[in-house]
PDB file of N, CA and C in Angstrom:
ATOM      1  N   UNK A   1      76.842 100.592 110.332  1.00  0.00           N
ATOM      2  CA  UNK A   1      77.425 101.638 111.326  1.00  0.00           C
ATOM      3  C   UNK A   1      78.104 102.605 110.136  1.00  0.00           C
ATOM      4  N   UNK A   2      79.111 101.863 109.176  1.00  0.00           N
ATOM      5  CA  UNK A   2      79.951 102.757 108.488  1.00  0.00           C
ATOM      6  C   UNK A   2      79.512 103.812 107.739  1.00  0.00           C
ATOM      7  N   UNK A   3      78.450 103.166 107.285  1.00  0.00           N
ATOM      8  CA  UNK A   3      77.556 103.916 106.170  1.00  0.00           C
ATOM      9  C   UNK A   3      76.951 105.147 106.553  1.00  0.00           C
ATOM     10  N   UNK A   4      76.680 105.301 107.647  1.00  0.00           N
ATOM     11  CA  UNK A   4      76.133 106.461 108.802  1.00  0.00           C
ATOM     12  C   UNK A   4      76.961 107.293 108.603  1.00  0.00           C
ATOM     13  N   UNK A   5      78.188 107.293 108.939  1.00  0.00           N
ATOM     14  CA  UNK A   5      79.458 107.818 109.163  1.00  0.00           C
ATOM     15  C   UNK A   5      79.280 109.169 107.982  1.00  0.00           C
ATOM     16  N   UNK A   6      79.805 110.451 108.623  1.00  0.00           N
ATOM     17  CA  UNK A   6      79.707 111.320 107.637  1.00  0.00           C
ATOM     18  C   UNK A   6      81.131 111.489 107.047  1.00  0.00           C
ATOM     19  N   UNK A   7      81.054 112.017 105.737  1.00  0.00           N
ATOM     20  CA  UNK A   7      83.075 112.207 105.747  1.00  0.00           C
ATOM     21  C   UNK A   7      83.175 113.432 106.104  1.00  0.00           C
ATOM     22  N   UNK A   8      84.229 113.700 106.732  1.00  0.00           N
ATOM     23  CA  UNK A   8      84.455 114.884 107.694  1.00  0.00           C
ATOM     24  C   UNK A   8      85.501 116.134 106.952  1.00  0.00           C
ATOM     25  N   UNK A   9      85.049 115.907 105.613  1.00  0.00           N
ATOM     26  CA  UNK A   9      86.005 117.153 105.016  1.00  0.00           C
ATOM     27  C   UNK A   9      87.088 116.711 103.608  1.00  0.00           C
ATOM     28  N   UNK A  10      86.969 115.585 104.095  1.00  0.00           N
ATOM     29  CA  UNK A  10      88.210 114.623 103.029  1.00  0.00           C
ATOM     30  C   UNK A  10      87.669 114.411 101.434  1.00  0.00           C
ATOM     31  N   UNK A  11      86.901 114.709 101.004  1.00  0.00           N
ATOM     32  CA  UNK A  11      86.361 114.863  99.601  1.00  0.00           C
ATOM     33  C   UNK A  11      86.737 116.458  99.396  1.00  0.00           C
ATOM     34  N   UNK A  12      86.703 117.163  99.820  1.00  0.00           N
ATOM     35  CA  UNK A  12      86.924 118.967  99.722  1.00  0.00           C
ATOM     36  C   UNK A  12      88.557 118.977  99.785  1.00  0.00           C
ATOM     37  N   UNK A  13      88.992 118.155 100.499  1.00  0.00           N
ATOM     38  CA  UNK A  13      90.039 118.517 100.819  1.00  0.00           C
ATOM     39  C   UNK A  13      91.552 117.772  99.321  1.00  0.00           C
ATOM     40  N   UNK A  14      90.712 116.287  99.267  1.00  0.00           N
ATOM     41  CA  UNK A  14      91.012 115.745  98.583  1.00  0.00           C
ATOM     42  C   UNK A  14      91.006 116.201  97.065  1.00  0.00           C
ATOM     43  N   UNK A  15      89.571 116.617  96.484  1.00  0.00           N
ATOM     44  CA  UNK A  15      89.211 117.351  95.530  1.00  0.00           C
ATOM     45  C   UNK A  15      89.936 118.750  95.149  1.00  0.00           C
ATOM     46  N   UNK A  16      90.241 119.362  95.980  1.00  0.00           N
ATOM     47  CA  UNK A  16      91.077 120.683  95.990  1.00  0.00           C
ATOM     48  C   UNK A  16      92.415 120.945  95.460  1.00  0.00           C
ATOM     49  N   UNK A  17      93.127 119.097  95.710  1.00  0.00           N
ATOM     50  CA  UNK A  17      94.424 119.055  95.582  1.00  0.00           C
ATOM     51  C   UNK A  17      94.555 118.141  94.334  1.00  0.00           C
ATOM     52  N   UNK A  18      93.557 117.840  93.308  1.00  0.00           N
ATOM     53  CA  UNK A  18      93.780 117.351  92.131  1.00  0.00           C
ATOM     54  C   UNK A  18      93.115 118.089  90.999  1.00  0.00           C
ATOM     55  N   UNK A  19      93.580 117.948  90.073  1.00  0.00           N
ATOM     56  CA  UNK A  19      93.151 118.341  88.768  1.00  0.00           C
ATOM     57  C   UNK A  19      91.698 117.383  87.850  1.00  0.00           C
ATOM     58  N   UNK A  20      91.089 118.342  87.506  1.00  0.00           N
ATOM     59  CA  UNK A  20      89.978 118.508  87.393  1.00  0.00           C
ATOM     60  C   UNK A  20      89.266 116.646  86.657  1.00  0.00           C
ATOM     61  N   UNK A  21      89.003 116.171  87.666  1.00  0.00           N
ATOM     62  CA  UNK A  21      88.297 114.720  86.599  1.00  0.00           C
ATOM     63  C   UNK A  21      89.323 113.897  86.657  1.00  0.00           C
ATOM     64  N   UNK A  22      90.275 113.866  87.695  1.00  0.00           N
ATOM     65  CA  UNK A  22      91.108 112.917  87.856  1.00  0.00           C
ATOM     66  C   UNK A  22      91.179 111.685  88.164  1.00  0.00           C
ATOM     67  N   UNK A  23      91.703 110.712  87.799  1.00  0.00           N
ATOM     68  CA  UNK A  23      91.450 109.219  88.309  1.00  0.00           C
ATOM     69  C   UNK A  23      91.666 108.822  89.576  1.00  0.00           C
ATOM     70  N   UNK A  24      91.115 108.425  90.511  1.00  0.00           N
ATOM     71  CA  UNK A  24      91.053 107.959  91.934  1.00  0.00           C
ATOM     72  C   UNK A  24      91.321 106.375  92.379  1.00  0.00           C
ATOM     73  N   UNK A  25      92.020 105.820  92.606  1.00  0.00           N
ATOM     74  CA  UNK A  25      92.296 104.372  93.385  1.00  0.00           C
ATOM     75  C   UNK A  25      91.459 104.637  95.046  1.00  0.00           C
ATOM     76  N   UNK A  26      90.723 104.132  95.248  1.00  0.00           N
ATOM     77  CA  UNK A  26      91.041 104.400  96.783  1.00  0.00           C
ATOM     78  C   UNK A  26      90.722 103.133  97.256  1.00  0.00           C
ATOM     79  N   UNK A  27      92.169 102.472  97.963  1.00  0.00           N
ATOM     80  CA  UNK A  27      92.500 101.414  98.485  1.00  0.00           C
ATOM     81  C   UNK A  27      91.706 101.277 100.131  1.00  0.00           C
ATOM     82  N   UNK A  28      90.984 100.228 100.518  1.00  0.00           N
ATOM     83  CA  UNK A  28      90.404 100.044 101.684  1.00  0.00           C
ATOM     84  C   UNK A  28      89.259 101.191 101.813  1.00  0.00           C
ATOM     85  N   UNK A  29      87.998 101.258 100.652  1.00  0.00           N
ATOM     86  CA  UNK A  29      87.193 102.662 100.658  1.00  0.00           C
ATOM     87  C   UNK A  29      85.991 102.071 101.170  1.00  0.00           C
ATOM     88  N   UNK A  30      86.136 101.127 102.041  1.00  0.00           N
ATOM     89  CA  UNK A  30      84.862 101.027 102.814  1.00  0.00           C
ATOM     90  C   UNK A  30      83.786 100.907 102.313  1.00  0.00           C
ATOM     91  N   UNK A  31      82.194 101.685 102.727  1.00  0.00           N
ATOM     92  CA  UNK A  31      81.292 101.947 102.611  1.00  0.00           C
ATOM     93  C   UNK A  31      81.183 103.262 101.232  1.00  0.00           C
ATOM     94  N   UNK A  32      82.301 103.950 100.736  1.00  0.00           N
ATOM     95  CA  UNK A  32      82.368 104.829  99.486  1.00  0.00           C
ATOM     96  C   UNK A  32      82.082 105.900 100.207  1.00  0.00           C
ATOM     97  N   UNK A  33      82.591 106.771 101.683  1.00  0.00           N
ATOM     98  CA  UNK A  33      81.900 107.516 102.324  1.00  0.00           C
ATOM     99  C   UNK A  33      82.869 108.359 101.713  1.00  0.00           C
ATOM    100  N   UNK A  34      84.374 108.672 100.993  1.00  0.00           N
ATOM    101  CA  UNK A  34      84.678 109.740 100.194  1.00  0.00           C
ATOM    102  C   UNK A  34      84.974 109.605  99.108  1.00  0.00           C
ATOM    103  N   UNK A  35      85.005 108.547  98.596  1.00  0.00           N
ATOM    104  CA  UNK A  35      84.922 107.764  97.262  1.00  0.00           C
ATOM    105  C   UNK A  35      83.904 108.364  96.155  1.00  0.00           C
ATOM    106  N   UNK A  36      82.905 108.270  96.928  1.00  0.00           N
ATOM    107  CA  UNK A  36      81.194 108.379  96.022  1.00  0.00           C
ATOM    108  C   UNK A  36      81.433 110.224  96.141  1.00  0.00           C
ATOM    109  N   UNK A  37      81.452 111.096  97.649  1.00  0.00           N
ATOM    110  CA  UNK A  37      81.696 112.424  97.062  1.00  0.00           C
ATOM    111  C   UNK A  37      82.645 112.858  95.911  1.00  0.00           C
ATOM    112  N   UNK A  38      83.506 111.915  95.864  1.00  0.00           N
ATOM    113  CA  UNK A  38      84.442 112.595  94.728  1.00  0.00           C
ATOM    114  C   UNK A  38      84.076 112.114  93.582  1.00  0.00           C
ATOM    115  N   UNK A  39      83.449 111.212  93.529  1.00  0.00           N
ATOM    116  CA  UNK A  39      82.856 110.596  91.584  1.00  0.00           C
ATOM    117  C   UNK A  39      82.023 111.867  91.237  1.00  0.00           C
ATOM    118  N   UNK A  40      80.873 112.654  92.446  1.00  0.00           N
ATOM    119  CA  UNK A  40      80.218 113.669  92.457  1.00  0.00           C
ATOM    120  C   UNK A  40      80.729 114.984  92.399  1.00  0.00           C
ATOM    121  N   UNK A  41      82.331 115.064  92.553  1.00  0.00           N
ATOM    122  CA  UNK A  41      82.807 116.135  92.261  1.00  0.00           C
ATOM    123  C   UNK A  41      83.436 115.892  90.705  1.00  0.00           C
ATOM    124  N   UNK A  42      83.276 115.379  89.791  1.00  0.00           N
ATOM    125  CA  UNK A  42      83.733 114.711  88.680  1.00  0.00           C
ATOM    126  C   UNK A  42      84.928 113.510  88.088  1.00  0.00           C
ATOM    127  N   UNK A  43      85.217 112.947  89.741  1.00  0.00           N
ATOM    128  CA  UNK A  43      86.578 112.298  89.301  1.00  0.00           C
ATOM    129  C   UNK A  43      86.026 110.852  89.058  1.00  0.00           C
ATOM    130  N   UNK A  44      86.724 109.817  88.489  1.00  0.00           N
ATOM    131  CA  UNK A  44      86.740 108.545  88.414  1.00  0.00           C
ATOM    132  C   UNK A  44      87.326 108.023  89.319  1.00  0.00           C
ATOM    133  N   UNK A  45      86.677 107.599  90.206  1.00  0.00           N
ATOM    134  CA  UNK A  45      86.974 106.790  91.339  1.00  0.00           C
ATOM    135  C   UNK A  45      86.707 105.417  91.330  1.00  0.00           C
ATOM    136  N   UNK A  46      87.774 104.050  91.687  1.00  0.00           N
ATOM    137  CA  UNK A  46      87.568 102.978  91.770  1.00  0.00           C
ATOM    138  C   UNK A  46      87.624 102.654  93.259  1.00  0.00           C
ATOM    139  N   UNK A  47      86.864 101.963  93.950  1.00  0.00           N
ATOM    140  CA  UNK A  47      86.619 102.143  94.789  1.00  0.00           C
ATOM    141  C   UNK A  47      87.220 100.303  95.713  1.00  0.00           C
ATOM    142  N   UNK A  48      88.179  99.993  96.425  1.00  0.00           N
ATOM    143  CA  UNK A  48      88.324  98.574  96.317  1.00  0.00           C
ATOM    144  C   UNK A  48      88.294  98.284  97.985  1.00  0.00           C
ATOM    145  N   UNK A  49      87.645  97.321  98.348  1.00  0.00           N
ATOM    146  CA  UNK A  49      87.625  96.874  99.497  1.00  0.00           C
ATOM    147  C   UNK A  49      87.663  95.307  99.477  1.00  0.00           C
ATOM    148  N   UNK A  50      88.019  94.739 100.276  1.00  0.00           N
ATOM    149  CA  UNK A  50      88.042  93.305 100.551  1.00  0.00           C
ATOM    150  C   UNK A  50      86.435  92.787 101.187  1.00  0.00           C
ATOM    151  N   UNK A  51      85.730  93.627 101.743  1.00  0.00           N
ATOM    152  CA  UNK A  51      84.758  93.243 101.816  1.00  0.00           C
ATOM    153  C   UNK A  51      83.058  94.005 101.300  1.00  0.00           C
ATOM    154  N   UNK A  52      82.783  92.623 100.488  1.00  0.00           N
ATOM    155  CA  UNK A  52      81.425  92.796  99.583  1.00  0.00           C
ATOM    156  C   UNK A  52      80.494  93.462 100.902  1.00  0.00           C
ATOM    157  N   UNK A  53      80.054  92.639 101.765  1.00  0.00           N
ATOM    158  CA  UNK A  53      79.007  93.691 102.342  1.00  0.00           C
ATOM    159  C   UNK A  53      79.287  95.709 102.351  1.00  0.00           C
ATOM    160  N   UNK A  54      80.602  95.815 102.445  1.00  0.00           N
ATOM    161  CA  UNK A  54      80.954  97.173 102.565  1.00  0.00           C
ATOM    162  C   UNK A  54      80.753  98.092 101.054  1.00  0.00           C
ATOM    163  N   UNK A  55      81.311  97.301 100.258  1.00  0.00           N
ATOM    164  CA  UNK A  55      81.126  97.285  98.776  1.00  0.00           C
ATOM    165  C   UNK A  55      79.721  97.393  98.057  1.00  0.00           C
ATOM    166  N   UNK A  56      78.561  96.897  98.997  1.00  0.00           N
ATOM    167  CA  UNK A  56      77.419  96.963  98.877  1.00  0.00           C
ATOM    168  C   UNK A  56      76.569  98.659  99.114  1.00  0.00           C
ATOM    169  N   UNK A  57      77.518  99.606 100.060  1.00  0.00           N
ATOM    170  CA  UNK A  57      77.229 100.294 100.094  1.00  0.00           C
ATOM    171  C   UNK A  57      77.791 101.779  99.350  1.00  0.00           C
ATOM    172  N   UNK A  58      78.757 101.480  98.434  1.00  0.00           N
ATOM    173  CA  UNK A  58      79.239 102.113  97.328  1.00  0.00           C
ATOM    174  C   UNK A  58      78.125 102.256  96.166  1.00  0.00           C
ATOM    175  N   UNK A  59      77.829 103.932  95.760  1.00  0.00           N
ATOM    176  CA  UNK A  59      77.027 104.236  95.071  1.00  0.00           C
ATOM    177  C   UNK A  59      77.186 104.625  93.866  1.00  0.00           C
ATOM    178  N   UNK A  60      78.638 105.201  93.691  1.00  0.00           N
ATOM    179  CA  UNK A  60      78.531 106.219  92.612  1.00  0.00           C
ATOM    180  C   UNK A  60      80.029 105.626  92.258  1.00  0.00           C
ATOM    181  N   UNK A  61      81.192 105.103  92.781  1.00  0.00           N
ATOM    182  CA  UNK A  61      82.810 104.901  92.224  1.00  0.00           C
ATOM    183  C   UNK A  61      81.819 103.042  91.630  1.00  0.00           C
ATOM    184  N   UNK A  62      83.238 102.956  91.534  1.00  0.00           N
ATOM    185  CA  UNK A  62      83.408 101.517  90.630  1.00  0.00           C
ATOM    186  C   UNK A  62      83.662 100.538  91.763  1.00  0.00           C
ATOM    187  N   UNK A  63      83.032 100.107  92.645  1.00  0.00           N
ATOM    188  CA  UNK A  63      83.347  98.749  93.094  1.00  0.00           C
ATOM    189  C   UNK A  63      84.233  97.946  92.833  1.00  0.00           C
ATOM    190  N   UNK A  64      85.472  97.318  93.644  1.00  0.00           N
ATOM    191  CA  UNK A  64      86.488  96.371  93.219  1.00  0.00           C
ATOM    192  C   UNK A  64      86.529  95.242  94.656  1.00  0.00           C
ATOM    193  N   UNK A  65      86.231  94.246  94.376  1.00  0.00           N
ATOM    194  CA  UNK A  65      86.234  93.504  95.933  1.00  0.00           C
ATOM    195  C   UNK A  65      87.886  92.751  95.847  1.00  0.00           C
ATOM    196  N   UNK A  66      88.563  93.245  96.534  1.00  0.00           N
ATOM    197  CA  UNK A  66      89.997  92.510  96.613  1.00  0.00           C
ATOM    198  C   UNK A  66      90.524  92.862  97.720  1.00  0.00           C
ATOM    199  N   UNK A  67      91.773  92.073  98.441  1.00  0.00           N
ATOM    200  CA  UNK A  67      92.448  92.320  99.720  1.00  0.00           C
ATOM    201  C   UNK A  67      93.532  93.687  98.626  1.00  0.00           C
ATOM    202  N   UNK A  68      94.036  94.450  99.904  1.00  0.00           N
ATOM    203  CA  UNK A  68      94.391  95.945  99.058  1.00  0.00           C
ATOM    204  C   UNK A  68      95.708  95.120  98.459  1.00  0.00           C
ATOM    205  N   UNK A  69      96.455  94.065  98.747  1.00  0.00           N
ATOM    206  CA  UNK A  69      98.060  93.589  98.876  1.00  0.00           C
ATOM    207  C   UNK A  69      97.761  92.430  97.490  1.00  0.00           C
ATOM    208  N   UNK A  70      96.554  92.162  97.236  1.00  0.00           N
ATOM    209  CA  UNK A  70      96.595  91.338  96.068  1.00  0.00           C
ATOM    210  C   UNK A  70      95.410  91.364  94.717  1.00  0.00           C
ATOM    211  N   UNK A  71      95.427  93.077  95.041  1.00  0.00           N
ATOM    212  CA  UNK A  71      94.796  93.776  93.817  1.00  0.00           C
ATOM    213  C   UNK A  71      95.833  93.776  92.758  1.00  0.00           C
ATOM    214  N   UNK A  72      94.938  93.666  91.351  1.00  0.00           N
ATOM    215  CA  UNK A  72      95.768  93.510  90.297  1.00  0.00           C
ATOM    216  C   UNK A  72      94.895  94.283  89.149  1.00  0.00           C
ATOM    217  N   UNK A  73      95.248  95.152  88.964  1.00  0.00           N
ATOM    218  CA  UNK A  73      94.551  96.025  88.461  1.00  0.00           C
ATOM    219  C   UNK A  73      96.097  96.852  87.233  1.00  0.00           C
ATOM    220  N   UNK A  74      95.477  96.787  85.962  1.00  0.00           N
ATOM    221  CA  UNK A  74      97.026  97.239  84.961  1.00  0.00           C
ATOM    222  C   UNK A  74      96.867  98.635  84.116  1.00  0.00           C
ATOM    223  N   UNK A  75      96.179  99.385  85.039  1.00  0.00           N
ATOM    224  CA  UNK A  75      95.533 100.509  84.510  1.00  0.00           C
ATOM    225  C   UNK A  75      96.107 101.736  85.879  1.00  0.00           C
ATOM    226  N   UNK A  76      96.989 102.527  85.349  1.00  0.00           N
ATOM    227  CA  UNK A  76      97.260 103.717  86.808  1.00  0.00           C
ATOM    228  C   UNK A  76      96.068 104.746  86.821  1.00  0.00           C
ATOM    229  N   UNK A  77      96.567 105.457  88.013  1.00  0.00           N
ATOM    230  CA  UNK A  77      95.429 106.364  88.586  1.00  0.00           C
ATOM    231  C   UNK A  77      96.288 107.655  88.453  1.00  0.00           C
ATOM    232  N   UNK A  78      95.503 108.938  88.874  1.00  0.00           N
ATOM    233  CA  UNK A  78      96.538 110.051  88.940  1.00  0.00           C
ATOM    234  C   UNK A  78      96.472 110.425  90.570  1.00  0.00           C
ATOM    235  N   UNK A  79      95.821 109.433  91.473  1.00  0.00           N
ATOM    236  CA  UNK A  79      95.789 109.816  92.964  1.00  0.00           C
ATOM    237  C   UNK A  79      95.319 108.236  93.262  1.00  0.00           C
ATOM    238  N   UNK A  80      95.903 108.090  94.538  1.00  0.00           N
ATOM    239  CA  UNK A  80      95.481 106.959  95.113  1.00  0.00           C
ATOM    240  C   UNK A  80      95.343 106.911  96.691  1.00  0.00           C
ATOM    241  N   UNK A  81      94.330 106.570  97.217  1.00  0.00           N
ATOM    242  CA  UNK A  81      94.166 107.164  98.621  1.00  0.00           C
ATOM    243  C   UNK A  81      94.438 105.628  99.733  1.00  0.00           C
ATOM    244  N   UNK A  82      95.138 106.093 100.565  1.00  0.00           N
ATOM    245  CA  UNK A  82      95.232 104.598 101.388  1.00  0.00           C
ATOM    246  C   UNK A  82      95.682 105.167 102.736  1.00  0.00           C
ATOM    247  N   UNK A  83      94.651 105.669 103.459  1.00  0.00           N
ATOM    248  CA  UNK A  83      94.257 106.152 104.401  1.00  0.00           C
ATOM    249  C   UNK A  83      94.499 105.614 106.025  1.00  0.00           C
ATOM    250  N   UNK A  84      93.162 104.759 106.268  1.00  0.00           N
ATOM    251  CA  UNK A  84      93.117 104.093 107.398  1.00  0.00           C
ATOM    252  C   UNK A  84      93.996 102.882 107.456  1.00  0.00           C
ATOM    253  N   UNK A  85      94.098 101.698 106.459  1.00  0.00           N
ATOM    254  CA  UNK A  85      94.481 100.502 106.332  1.00  0.00           C
ATOM    255  C   UNK A  85      95.841 101.199 106.896  1.00  0.00           C
ATOM    256  N   UNK A  86      96.630 101.988 106.212  1.00  0.00           N
ATOM    257  CA  UNK A  86      98.092 102.490 106.282  1.00  0.00           C
ATOM    258  C   UNK A  86      98.444 102.650 107.811  1.00  0.00           C
ATOM    259  N   UNK A  87      97.511 103.629 108.288  1.00  0.00           N
ATOM    260  CA  UNK A  87      97.531 103.943 109.797  1.00  0.00           C
ATOM    261  C   UNK A  87      97.552 102.882 110.834  1.00  0.00           C
ATOM    262  N   UNK A  88      96.525 102.067 110.269  1.00  0.00           N
ATOM    263  CA  UNK A  88      96.136 101.284 111.552  1.00  0.00           C
ATOM    264  C   UNK A  88      96.546  99.867 111.292  1.00  0.00           C
ATOM    265  N   UNK A  89      97.712  99.642 110.468  1.00  0.00           N
ATOM    266  CA  UNK A  89      98.504  98.161 110.461  1.00  0.00           C
ATOM    267  C   UNK A  89      99.483  98.120 111.033  1.00  0.00           C
ATOM    268  N   UNK A  90      99.909  97.671 112.046  1.00  0.00           N
ATOM    269  CA  UNK A  90     101.013  97.531 112.487  1.00  0.00           C
ATOM    270  C   UNK A  90     102.128  96.992 112.090  1.00  0.00           C
ATOM    271  N   UNK A  91     101.935  95.693 111.101  1.00  0.00           N
ATOM    272  CA  UNK A  91     103.267  95.208 110.850  1.00  0.00           C
ATOM    273  C   UNK A  91     103.283  96.175 109.621  1.00  0.00           C
ATOM    274  N   UNK A  92     105.049  96.265 109.645  1.00  0.00           N
ATOM    275  CA  UNK A  92     105.847  96.912 108.774  1.00  0.00           C
ATOM    276  C   UNK A  92     105.720  96.303 107.542  1.00  0.00           C
ATOM    277  N   UNK A  93     105.695  94.817 106.990  1.00  0.00           N
ATOM    278  CA  UNK A  93     105.708  94.352 105.956  1.00  0.00           C
ATOM    279  C   UNK A  93     104.436  94.388 105.425  1.00  0.00           C
ATOM    280  N   UNK A  94     103.548  94.196 106.665  1.00  0.00           N
ATOM    281  CA  UNK A  94     102.134  94.533 105.822  1.00  0.00           C
ATOM    282  C   UNK A  94     101.882  96.017 104.861  1.00  0.00           C
ATOM    283  N   UNK A  95     102.343  97.239 105.722  1.00  0.00           N
ATOM    284  CA  UNK A  95     102.246  97.989 105.060  1.00  0.00           C
ATOM    285  C   UNK A  95     102.970  98.203 103.702  1.00  0.00           C
ATOM    286  N   UNK A  96     104.143  97.711 103.598  1.00  0.00           N
ATOM    287  CA  UNK A  96     104.973  98.081 102.405  1.00  0.00           C
ATOM    288  C   UNK A  96     104.581  97.411 101.651  1.00  0.00           C
ATOM    289  N   UNK A  97     103.200  96.005 101.787  1.00  0.00           N
ATOM    290  CA  UNK A  97     102.847  95.611 100.559  1.00  0.00           C
ATOM    291  C   UNK A  97     101.966  96.335  99.992  1.00  0.00           C
ATOM    292  N   UNK A  98     100.979  97.053 100.701  1.00  0.00           N
ATOM    293  CA  UNK A  98      99.984  97.987 100.472  1.00  0.00           C
ATOM    294  C   UNK A  98     100.746  99.229  99.808  1.00  0.00           C
ATOM    295  N   UNK A  99     101.460  99.595 100.347  1.00  0.00           N
ATOM    296  CA  UNK A  99     102.502 100.851  99.605  1.00  0.00           C
ATOM    297  C   UNK A  99     102.667 100.389  97.877  1.00  0.00           C
ATOM    298  N   UNK A 100     103.169  99.459  98.003  1.00  0.00           N
ATOM    299  CA  UNK A 100     103.898  98.759  96.606  1.00  0.00           C
ATOM    300  C   UNK A 100     102.181  98.976  96.116  1.00  0.00           C
ATOM    301  N   UNK A 101     101.430  98.293  96.360  1.00  0.00           N
ATOM    302  CA  UNK A 101      99.715  97.947  95.464  1.00  0.00           C
ATOM    303  C   UNK A 101      99.781  99.617  95.712  1.00  0.00           C
ATOM    304  N   UNK A 102      99.829 100.771  96.144  1.00  0.00           N
ATOM    305  CA  UNK A 102      99.305 102.058  96.312  1.00  0.00           C
ATOM    306  C   UNK A 102     100.345 102.509  94.855  1.00  0.00           C
ATOM    307  N   UNK A 103     101.421 101.790  94.791  1.00  0.00           N
ATOM    308  CA  UNK A 103     102.641 102.422  93.882  1.00  0.00           C
ATOM    309  C   UNK A 103     102.238 102.206  92.498  1.00  0.00           C
ATOM    310  N   UNK A 104     101.414 101.079  92.089  1.00  0.00           N
ATOM    311  CA  UNK A 104     100.953 100.701  90.793  1.00  0.00           C
ATOM    312  C   UNK A 104     101.734  99.564  90.057  1.00  0.00           C
ATOM    313  N   UNK A 105     100.960  99.172  88.934  1.00  0.00           N
ATOM    314  CA  UNK A 105     102.452  97.960  88.135  1.00  0.00           C
ATOM    315  C   UNK A 105     103.419  98.150  87.849  1.00  0.00           C
ATOM    316  N   UNK A 106     104.317  97.247  87.639  1.00  0.00           N
ATOM    317  CA  UNK A 106     105.788  97.992  87.418  1.00  0.00           C
ATOM    318  C   UNK A 106     105.938  98.521  85.726  1.00  0.00           C
ATOM    319  N   UNK A 107     106.339  99.691  85.781  1.00  0.00           N
ATOM    320  CA  UNK A 107     106.618  99.775  84.004  1.00  0.00           C
ATOM    321  C   UNK A 107     105.573 100.640  84.161  1.00  0.00           C
ATOM    322  N   UNK A 108     104.604 101.175  84.500  1.00  0.00           N
ATOM    323  CA  UNK A 108     103.876 102.100  84.439  1.00  0.00           C
ATOM    324  C   UNK A 108     104.357 103.978  84.339  1.00  0.00           C
TER     325      UNK A 108
END
């Protein structure tokens, strides 16, 4: 079902707010419905999701299977997307862990 849902203007809005060829970390990317169009617009996108089945649908972004709060990447990104997981998680501690991941590794 998620693979059939269209992007609703998000790629255009995000692209418009970033420099050309920006690197983007998409946390909770699902099937890549926003990540893949951003790659088509010239960005390098790492799509993170804990579901292998969802990541199987990602076509252009670089898929990484991980829970958001367990993600271990050494690189920094120009932008980080974390929309639905942040909004749809009622637990404050869990949201803080998501934001810690979005902030990136210490010292960068």
